[in-house]
PDB file of N, CA and C in Angstrom:
ATOM      1  N   MET A   1      48.487 -61.698  44.362  1.00  0.00           N
ATOM      2  CA  MET A   1      49.327 -62.778  44.806  1.00  0.00           C
ATOM      3  C   MET A   1      48.654 -63.426  46.010  1.00  0.00           C
ATOM      4  N   LYS A   2      48.704 -64.763  46.071  1.00  0.00           N
ATOM      5  CA  LYS A   2      48.147 -65.514  47.201  1.00  0.00           C
ATOM      6  C   LYS A   2      49.266 -66.300  47.875  1.00  0.00           C
ATOM      7  N   LEU A   3      49.278 -66.269  49.205  1.00  0.00           N
ATOM      8  CA  LEU A   3      50.232 -67.042  49.997  1.00  0.00           C
ATOM      9  C   LEU A   3      49.463 -68.089  50.787  1.00  0.00           C
ATOM     10  N   LEU A   4      50.081 -69.252  50.957  1.00  0.00           N
ATOM     11  CA  LEU A   4      49.466 -70.314  51.745  1.00  0.00           C
ATOM     12  C   LEU A   4      50.066 -70.288  53.135  1.00  0.00           C
ATOM     13  N   THR A   5      49.207 -70.210  54.134  1.00  0.00           N
ATOM     14  CA  THR A   5      49.645 -70.169  55.523  1.00  0.00           C
ATOM     15  C   THR A   5      48.774 -71.090  56.357  1.00  0.00           C
ATOM     16  N   GLY A   6      49.210 -71.341  57.544  1.00  0.00           N
ATOM     17  CA  GLY A   6      48.464 -72.163  58.493  1.00  0.00           C
ATOM     18  C   GLY A   6      49.266 -72.286  59.765  1.00  0.00           C
ATOM     19  N   ASN A   7      48.851 -73.212  60.608  1.00  0.00           N
ATOM     20  CA  ASN A   7      49.564 -73.469  61.854  1.00  0.00           C
ATOM     21  C   ASN A   7      50.040 -74.910  61.857  1.00  0.00           C
ATOM     22  N   ASP A   8      51.303 -75.118  62.231  1.00  0.00           N
ATOM     23  CA  ASP A   8      51.851 -76.461  62.343  1.00  0.00           C
ATOM     24  C   ASP A   8      51.071 -77.193  63.434  1.00  0.00           C
ATOM     25  N   LEU A   9      50.555 -78.357  63.100  1.00  0.00           N
ATOM     26  CA  LEU A   9      49.704 -79.096  64.021  1.00  0.00           C
ATOM     27  C   LEU A   9      50.445 -79.516  65.293  1.00  0.00           C
ATOM     28  N   LEU A  10      51.732 -79.826  65.196  1.00  0.00           N
ATOM     29  CA  LEU A  10      52.484 -80.297  66.360  1.00  0.00           C
ATOM     30  C   LEU A  10      52.950 -79.175  67.281  1.00  0.00           C
ATOM     31  N   THR A  11      53.314 -78.030  66.714  1.00  0.00           N
ATOM     32  CA  THR A  11      53.879 -76.948  67.526  1.00  0.00           C
ATOM     33  C   THR A  11      52.965 -75.743  67.684  1.00  0.00           C
ATOM     34  N   GLY A  12      52.014 -75.578  66.782  1.00  0.00           N
ATOM     35  CA  GLY A  12      51.141 -74.411  66.792  1.00  0.00           C
ATOM     36  C   GLY A  12      51.742 -73.194  66.106  1.00  0.00           C
ATOM     37  N   ASP A  13      52.992 -73.317  65.636  1.00  0.00           N
ATOM     38  CA  ASP A  13      53.653 -72.194  64.969  1.00  0.00           C
ATOM     39  C   ASP A  13      52.940 -71.804  63.681  1.00  0.00           C
ATOM     40  N   VAL A  14      52.933 -70.504  63.389  1.00  0.00           N
ATOM     41  CA  VAL A  14      52.461 -70.017  62.091  1.00  0.00           C
ATOM     42  C   VAL A  14      53.506 -70.407  61.061  1.00  0.00           C
ATOM     43  N   VAL A  15      53.071 -71.015  59.965  1.00  0.00           N
ATOM     44  CA  VAL A  15      53.992 -71.434  58.908  1.00  0.00           C
ATOM     45  C   VAL A  15      53.502 -70.924  57.563  1.00  0.00           C
ATOM     46  N   TRP A  16      54.449 -70.813  56.629  1.00  0.00           N
ATOM     47  CA  TRP A  16      54.189 -70.297  55.281  1.00  0.00           C
ATOM     48  C   TRP A  16      54.767 -71.274  54.277  1.00  0.00           C
ATOM     49  N   TRP A  17      54.060 -71.522  53.175  1.00  0.00           N
ATOM     50  CA  TRP A  17      54.543 -72.406  52.123  1.00  0.00           C
ATOM     51  C   TRP A  17      55.690 -71.722  51.396  1.00  0.00           C
ATOM     52  N   ASP A  18      56.843 -72.412  51.297  1.00  0.00           N
ATOM     53  CA  ASP A  18      58.021 -71.802  50.659  1.00  0.00           C
ATOM     54  C   ASP A  18      58.359 -72.405  49.300  1.00  0.00           C
ATOM     55  N   GLY A  19      57.479 -73.227  48.778  1.00  0.00           N
ATOM     56  CA  GLY A  19      57.695 -73.830  47.462  1.00  0.00           C
ATOM     57  C   GLY A  19      58.078 -75.293  47.539  1.00  0.00           C
ATOM     58  N   SER A  20      58.675 -75.701  48.667  1.00  0.00           N
ATOM     59  CA  SER A  20      59.049 -77.111  48.815  1.00  0.00           C
ATOM     60  C   SER A  20      58.679 -77.659  50.186  1.00  0.00           C
ATOM     61  N   GLY A  21      58.237 -76.804  51.078  1.00  0.00           N
ATOM     62  CA  GLY A  21      57.873 -77.205  52.429  1.00  0.00           C
ATOM     63  C   GLY A  21      57.358 -76.009  53.201  1.00  0.00           C
ATOM     64  N   TRP A  22      57.398 -76.100  54.515  1.00  0.00           N
ATOM     65  CA  TRP A  22      56.859 -75.054  55.369  1.00  0.00           C
ATOM     66  C   TRP A  22      57.962 -74.308  56.086  1.00  0.00           C
ATOM     67  N   SER A  23      57.811 -73.001  56.171  1.00  0.00           N
ATOM     68  CA  SER A  23      58.807 -72.151  56.816  1.00  0.00           C
ATOM     69  C   SER A  23      58.144 -71.309  57.901  1.00  0.00           C
ATOM     70  N   LEU A  24      58.886 -71.006  58.933  1.00  0.00           N
ATOM     71  CA  LEU A  24      58.410 -70.108  59.987  1.00  0.00           C
ATOM     72  C   LEU A  24      58.501 -68.648  59.568  1.00  0.00           C
ATOM     73  N   HIS A  25      59.166 -68.372  58.450  1.00  0.00           N
ATOM     74  CA  HIS A  25      59.465 -66.998  58.055  1.00  0.00           C
ATOM     75  C   HIS A  25      58.655 -66.552  56.841  1.00  0.00           C
ATOM     76  N   LEU A  26      57.936 -65.474  57.000  1.00  0.00           N
ATOM     77  CA  LEU A  26      57.144 -64.887  55.920  1.00  0.00           C
ATOM     78  C   LEU A  26      58.017 -64.566  54.712  1.00  0.00           C
ATOM     79  N   ALA A  27      59.257 -64.181  54.928  1.00  0.00           N
ATOM     80  CA  ALA A  27      60.166 -63.831  53.831  1.00  0.00           C
ATOM     81  C   ALA A  27      60.409 -65.006  52.886  1.00  0.00           C
ATOM     82  N   ASP A  28      60.205 -66.238  53.347  1.00  0.00           N
ATOM     83  CA  ASP A  28      60.406 -67.429  52.521  1.00  0.00           C
ATOM     84  C   ASP A  28      59.180 -67.794  51.691  1.00  0.00           C
ATOM     85  N   ALA A  29      58.046 -67.167  51.959  1.00  0.00           N
ATOM     86  CA  ALA A  29      56.786 -67.531  51.319  1.00  0.00           C
ATOM     87  C   ALA A  29      56.807 -67.270  49.815  1.00  0.00           C
ATOM     88  N   VAL A  30      56.171 -68.177  49.073  1.00  0.00           N
ATOM     89  CA  VAL A  30      56.021 -68.033  47.628  1.00  0.00           C
ATOM     90  C   VAL A  30      54.539 -68.149  47.274  1.00  0.00           C
ATOM     91  N   GLU A  31      54.213 -67.716  46.090  1.00  0.00           N
ATOM     92  CA  GLU A  31      52.824 -67.756  45.641  1.00  0.00           C
ATOM     93  C   GLU A  31      52.307 -69.189  45.576  1.00  0.00           C
ATOM     94  N   ALA A  32      51.049 -69.364  45.966  1.00  0.00           N
ATOM     95  CA  ALA A  32      50.416 -70.684  45.972  1.00  0.00           C
ATOM     96  C   ALA A  32      49.006 -70.567  45.411  1.00  0.00           C
ATOM     97  N   GLY A  33      48.438 -71.703  45.045  1.00  0.00           N
ATOM     98  CA  GLY A  33      47.105 -71.709  44.474  1.00  0.00           C
ATOM     99  C   GLY A  33      46.154 -72.640  45.204  1.00  0.00           C
ATOM    100  N   PRO A  34      44.902 -72.700  44.747  1.00  0.00           N
ATOM    101  CA  PRO A  34      43.882 -73.499  45.425  1.00  0.00           C
ATOM    102  C   PRO A  34      44.174 -75.004  45.430  1.00  0.00           C
ATOM    103  N   GLU A  35      44.920 -75.487  44.429  1.00  0.00           N
ATOM    104  CA  GLU A  35      45.238 -76.923  44.397  1.00  0.00           C
ATOM    105  C   GLU A  35      46.102 -77.291  45.599  1.00  0.00           C
ATOM    106  N   LEU A  36      47.057 -76.432  45.917  1.00  0.00           N
ATOM    107  CA  LEU A  36      47.948 -76.674  47.053  1.00  0.00           C
ATOM    108  C   LEU A  36      47.176 -76.572  48.366  1.00  0.00           C
ATOM    109  N   LEU A  37      46.238 -75.651  48.445  1.00  0.00           N
ATOM    110  CA  LEU A  37      45.406 -75.539  49.641  1.00  0.00           C
ATOM    111  C   LEU A  37      44.631 -76.829  49.868  1.00  0.00           C
ATOM    112  N   ALA A  38      44.023 -77.369  48.816  1.00  0.00           N
ATOM    113  CA  ALA A  38      43.255 -78.616  48.940  1.00  0.00           C
ATOM    114  C   ALA A  38      44.149 -79.768  49.382  1.00  0.00           C
ATOM    115  N   LYS A  39      45.350 -79.848  48.817  1.00  0.00           N
ATOM    116  CA  LYS A  39      46.299 -80.900  49.192  1.00  0.00           C
ATOM    117  C   LYS A  39      46.712 -80.757  50.658  1.00  0.00           C
ATOM    118  N   THR A  40      46.973 -79.539  51.095  1.00  0.00           N
ATOM    119  CA  THR A  40      47.382 -79.272  52.472  1.00  0.00           C
ATOM    120  C   THR A  40      46.289 -79.680  53.448  1.00  0.00           C
ATOM    121  N   ILE A  41      45.049 -79.340  53.131  1.00  0.00           N
ATOM    122  CA  ILE A  41      43.925 -79.702  53.995  1.00  0.00           C
ATOM    123  C   ILE A  41      43.788 -81.223  54.067  1.00  0.00           C
ATOM    124  N   ALA A  42      43.986 -81.916  52.952  1.00  0.00           N
ATOM    125  CA  ALA A  42      43.872 -83.380  52.922  1.00  0.00           C
ATOM    126  C   ALA A  42      44.966 -84.057  53.744  1.00  0.00           C
ATOM    127  N   GLU A  43      46.163 -83.469  53.787  1.00  0.00           N
ATOM    128  CA  GLU A  43      47.278 -84.078  54.516  1.00  0.00           C
ATOM    129  C   GLU A  43      47.126 -83.963  56.027  1.00  0.00           C
ATOM    130  N   GLU A  44      46.385 -82.982  56.503  1.00  0.00           N
ATOM    131  CA  GLU A  44      46.094 -82.784  57.916  1.00  0.00           C
ATOM    132  C   GLU A  44      47.313 -82.533  58.799  1.00  0.00           C
ATOM    133  N   ARG A  45      48.442 -82.110  58.229  1.00  0.00           N
ATOM    134  CA  ARG A  45      49.617 -81.747  59.029  1.00  0.00           C
ATOM    135  C   ARG A  45      49.564 -80.285  59.467  1.00  0.00           C
ATOM    136  N   ILE A  46      48.829 -79.480  58.678  1.00  0.00           N
ATOM    137  CA  ILE A  46      48.709 -78.054  58.941  1.00  0.00           C
ATOM    138  C   ILE A  46      47.271 -77.744  59.333  1.00  0.00           C
ATOM    139  N   ASN A  47      47.111 -77.040  60.438  1.00  0.00           N
ATOM    140  CA  ASN A  47      45.799 -76.667  60.934  1.00  0.00           C
ATOM    141  C   ASN A  47      45.434 -75.280  60.404  1.00  0.00           C
ATOM    142  N   ASP A  48      44.162 -75.088  60.094  1.00  0.00           N
ATOM    143  CA  ASP A  48      43.656 -73.773  59.689  1.00  0.00           C
ATOM    144  C   ASP A  48      44.377 -73.219  58.458  1.00  0.00           C
ATOM    145  N   ALA A  49      44.645 -74.095  57.481  1.00  0.00           N
ATOM    146  CA  ALA A  49      45.312 -73.657  56.250  1.00  0.00           C
ATOM    147  C   ALA A  49      44.425 -72.684  55.483  1.00  0.00           C
ATOM    148  N   ALA A  50      45.054 -71.657  54.914  1.00  0.00           N
ATOM    149  CA  ALA A  50      44.301 -70.647  54.169  1.00  0.00           C
ATOM    150  C   ALA A  50      45.199 -69.965  53.150  1.00  0.00           C
ATOM    151  N   LEU A  51      44.587 -69.562  52.042  1.00  0.00           N
ATOM    152  CA  LEU A  51      45.254 -68.697  51.073  1.00  0.00           C
ATOM    153  C   LEU A  51      44.944 -67.260  51.457  1.00  0.00           C
ATOM    154  N   VAL A  52      45.969 -66.434  51.564  1.00  0.00           N
ATOM    155  CA  VAL A  52      45.758 -65.029  51.930  1.00  0.00           C
ATOM    156  C   VAL A  52      46.307 -64.123  50.836  1.00  0.00           C
ATOM    157  N   ASP A  53      45.638 -63.009  50.636  1.00  0.00           N
ATOM    158  CA  ASP A  53      46.090 -62.022  49.655  1.00  0.00           C
ATOM    159  C   ASP A  53      47.352 -61.335  50.163  1.00  0.00           C
ATOM    160  N   ALA A  54      48.281 -61.101  49.241  1.00  0.00           N
ATOM    161  CA  ALA A  54      49.525 -60.420  49.603  1.00  0.00           C
ATOM    162  C   ALA A  54      49.998 -59.553  48.451  1.00  0.00           C
ATOM    163  N   VAL A  55      50.801 -58.560  48.801  1.00  0.00           N
ATOM    164  CA  VAL A  55      51.447 -57.696  47.820  1.00  0.00           C
ATOM    165  C   VAL A  55      52.854 -58.257  47.589  1.00  0.00           C
ATOM    166  N   PRO A  56      53.246 -58.489  46.336  1.00  0.00           N
ATOM    167  CA  PRO A  56      54.593 -59.013  46.089  1.00  0.00           C
ATOM    168  C   PRO A  56      55.672 -58.080  46.632  1.00  0.00           C
ATOM    169  N   GLY A  57      56.751 -58.657  47.070  1.00  0.00           N
ATOM    170  CA  GLY A  57      57.873 -57.892  47.598  1.00  0.00           C
ATOM    171  C   GLY A  57      58.827 -58.835  48.310  1.00  0.00           C
ATOM    172  N   ASN A  58      59.814 -58.261  48.979  1.00  0.00           N
ATOM    173  CA  ASN A  58      60.743 -59.086  49.728  1.00  0.00           C
ATOM    174  C   ASN A  58      60.834 -58.544  51.153  1.00  0.00           C
ATOM    175  N   PRO A  59      60.106 -59.066  52.107  1.00  0.00           N
ATOM    176  CA  PRO A  59      59.190 -60.200  51.990  1.00  0.00           C
ATOM    177  C   PRO A  59      57.851 -59.770  51.407  1.00  0.00           C
ATOM    178  N   PRO A  60      57.057 -60.742  50.939  1.00  0.00           N
ATOM    179  CA  PRO A  60      55.702 -60.403  50.508  1.00  0.00           C
ATOM    180  C   PRO A  60      54.954 -59.791  51.697  1.00  0.00           C
ATOM    181  N   ARG A  61      54.013 -58.917  51.418  1.00  0.00           N
ATOM    182  CA  ARG A  61      53.283 -58.238  52.501  1.00  0.00           C
ATOM    183  C   ARG A  61      51.812 -58.632  52.455  1.00  0.00           C
ATOM    184  N   PRO A  62      51.365 -59.433  53.440  1.00  0.00           N
ATOM    185  CA  PRO A  62      49.938 -59.769  53.483  1.00  0.00           C
ATOM    186  C   PRO A  62      49.101 -58.500  53.524  1.00  0.00           C
ATOM    187  N   ARG A  63      47.948 -58.535  52.874  1.00  0.00           N
ATOM    188  CA  ARG A  63      47.108 -57.334  52.778  1.00  0.00           C
ATOM    189  C   ARG A  63      46.389 -56.996  54.085  1.00  0.00           C
ATOM    190  N   THR A  64      46.086 -57.994  54.913  1.00  0.00           N
ATOM    191  CA  THR A  64      45.349 -57.699  56.144  1.00  0.00           C
ATOM    192  C   THR A  64      46.295 -57.576  57.335  1.00  0.00           C
ATOM    193  N   ALA A  65      45.906 -56.736  58.274  1.00  0.00           N
ATOM    194  CA  ALA A  65      46.706 -56.558  59.491  1.00  0.00           C
ATOM    195  C   ALA A  65      46.823 -57.873  60.252  1.00  0.00           C
ATOM    196  N   ARG A  66      45.759 -58.658  60.275  1.00  0.00           N
ATOM    197  CA  ARG A  66      45.783 -59.938  60.984  1.00  0.00           C
ATOM    198  C   ARG A  66      46.895 -60.829  60.449  1.00  0.00           C
ATOM    199  N   GLU A  67      46.984 -60.960  59.144  1.00  0.00           N
ATOM    200  CA  GLU A  67      47.994 -61.840  58.546  1.00  0.00           C
ATOM    201  C   GLU A  67      49.394 -61.251  58.661  1.00  0.00           C
ATOM    202  N   ARG A  68      49.521 -59.927  58.622  1.00  0.00           N
ATOM    203  CA  ARG A  68      50.842 -59.318  58.825  1.00  0.00           C
ATOM    204  C   ARG A  68      51.347 -59.617  60.235  1.00  0.00           C
ATOM    205  N   ILE A  69      50.478 -59.493  61.227  1.00  0.00           N
ATOM    206  CA  ILE A  69      50.881 -59.780  62.608  1.00  0.00           C
ATOM    207  C   ILE A  69      51.208 -61.263  62.768  1.00  0.00           C
ATOM    208  N   ARG A  70      50.420 -62.143  62.161  1.00  0.00           N
ATOM    209  CA  ARG A  70      50.716 -63.579  62.229  1.00  0.00           C
ATOM    210  C   ARG A  70      52.061 -63.881  61.594  1.00  0.00           C
ATOM    211  N   GLY A  71      52.394 -63.202  60.521  1.00  0.00           N
ATOM    212  CA  GLY A  71      53.612 -63.491  59.784  1.00  0.00           C
ATOM    213  C   GLY A  71      54.871 -62.876  60.342  1.00  0.00           C
ATOM    214  N   ILE A  72      54.739 -61.704  60.918  1.00  0.00           N
ATOM    215  CA  ILE A  72      55.926 -60.974  61.360  1.00  0.00           C
ATOM    216  C   ILE A  72      56.093 -61.027  62.871  1.00  0.00           C
ATOM    217  N   GLY A  73      55.023 -61.039  63.589  1.00  0.00           N
ATOM    218  CA  GLY A  73      55.111 -61.093  65.042  1.00  0.00           C
ATOM    219  C   GLY A  73      54.322 -59.985  65.696  1.00  0.00           C
ATOM    220  N   PRO A  74      54.414 -59.894  67.013  1.00  0.00           N
ATOM    221  CA  PRO A  74      53.594 -58.937  67.755  1.00  0.00           C
ATOM    222  C   PRO A  74      53.839 -57.493  67.330  1.00  0.00           C
ATOM    223  N   SER A  75      52.765 -56.732  67.309  1.00  0.00           N
ATOM    224  CA  SER A  75      52.883 -55.329  66.904  1.00  0.00           C
ATOM    225  C   SER A  75      53.355 -54.440  68.049  1.00  0.00           C
ATOM    226  N   VAL A  76      53.280 -54.912  69.274  1.00  0.00           N
ATOM    227  CA  VAL A  76      53.682 -54.101  70.419  1.00  0.00           C
ATOM    228  C   VAL A  76      55.086 -54.437  70.926  1.00  0.00           C
ATOM    229  N   ARG A  77      55.689 -55.496  70.394  1.00  0.00           N
ATOM    230  CA  ARG A  77      57.031 -55.904  70.819  1.00  0.00           C
ATOM    231  C   ARG A  77      57.886 -56.202  69.593  1.00  0.00           C
ATOM    232  N   PRO A  78      58.394 -55.165  68.914  1.00  0.00           N
ATOM    233  CA  PRO A  78      59.196 -55.384  67.713  1.00  0.00           C
ATOM    234  C   PRO A  78      60.436 -56.239  67.963  1.00  0.00           C
ATOM    235  N   ASP A  79      60.908 -56.303  69.196  1.00  0.00           N
ATOM    236  CA  ASP A  79      62.070 -57.116  69.495  1.00  0.00           C
ATOM    237  C   ASP A  79      61.778 -58.607  69.395  1.00  0.00           C
ATOM    238  N   LEU A  80      60.500 -58.982  69.344  1.00  0.00           N
ATOM    239  CA  LEU A  80      60.115 -60.386  69.202  1.00  0.00           C
ATOM    240  C   LEU A  80      59.756 -60.762  67.761  1.00  0.00           C
ATOM    241  N   ALA A  81      59.869 -59.809  66.846  1.00  0.00           N
ATOM    242  CA  ALA A  81      59.511 -60.050  65.446  1.00  0.00           C
ATOM    243  C   ALA A  81      60.407 -61.092  64.800  1.00  0.00           C
ATOM    244  N   ARG A  82      59.871 -61.777  63.798  1.00  0.00           N
ATOM    245  CA  ARG A  82      60.600 -62.820  63.089  1.00  0.00           C
ATOM    246  C   ARG A  82      61.276 -62.316  61.824  1.00  0.00           C
ATOM    247  N   VAL A  83      61.367 -61.040  61.644  1.00  0.00           N
ATOM    248  CA  VAL A  83      61.942 -60.484  60.423  1.00  0.00           C
ATOM    249  C   VAL A  83      63.450 -60.539  60.475  1.00  0.00           C
TER     250      VAL A  83
END
């Protein structure tokens, strides 16, 4: 499974493609493909757009620690997590 993520150009927030727009919550993320990545890069509203590998679930779980921390929040302050 691939998820589309990036940073909102205006706020810098980590965002995830939810099927109809961008969400701050990893739990809203849906599977995306390379066509959507190309479209996102062309629109220039999202900075550093990327497709990341994830394990299906609720919420989907990015395979890398970097993407899990970006999606859920700091690993040292669970009280600040977005879950």
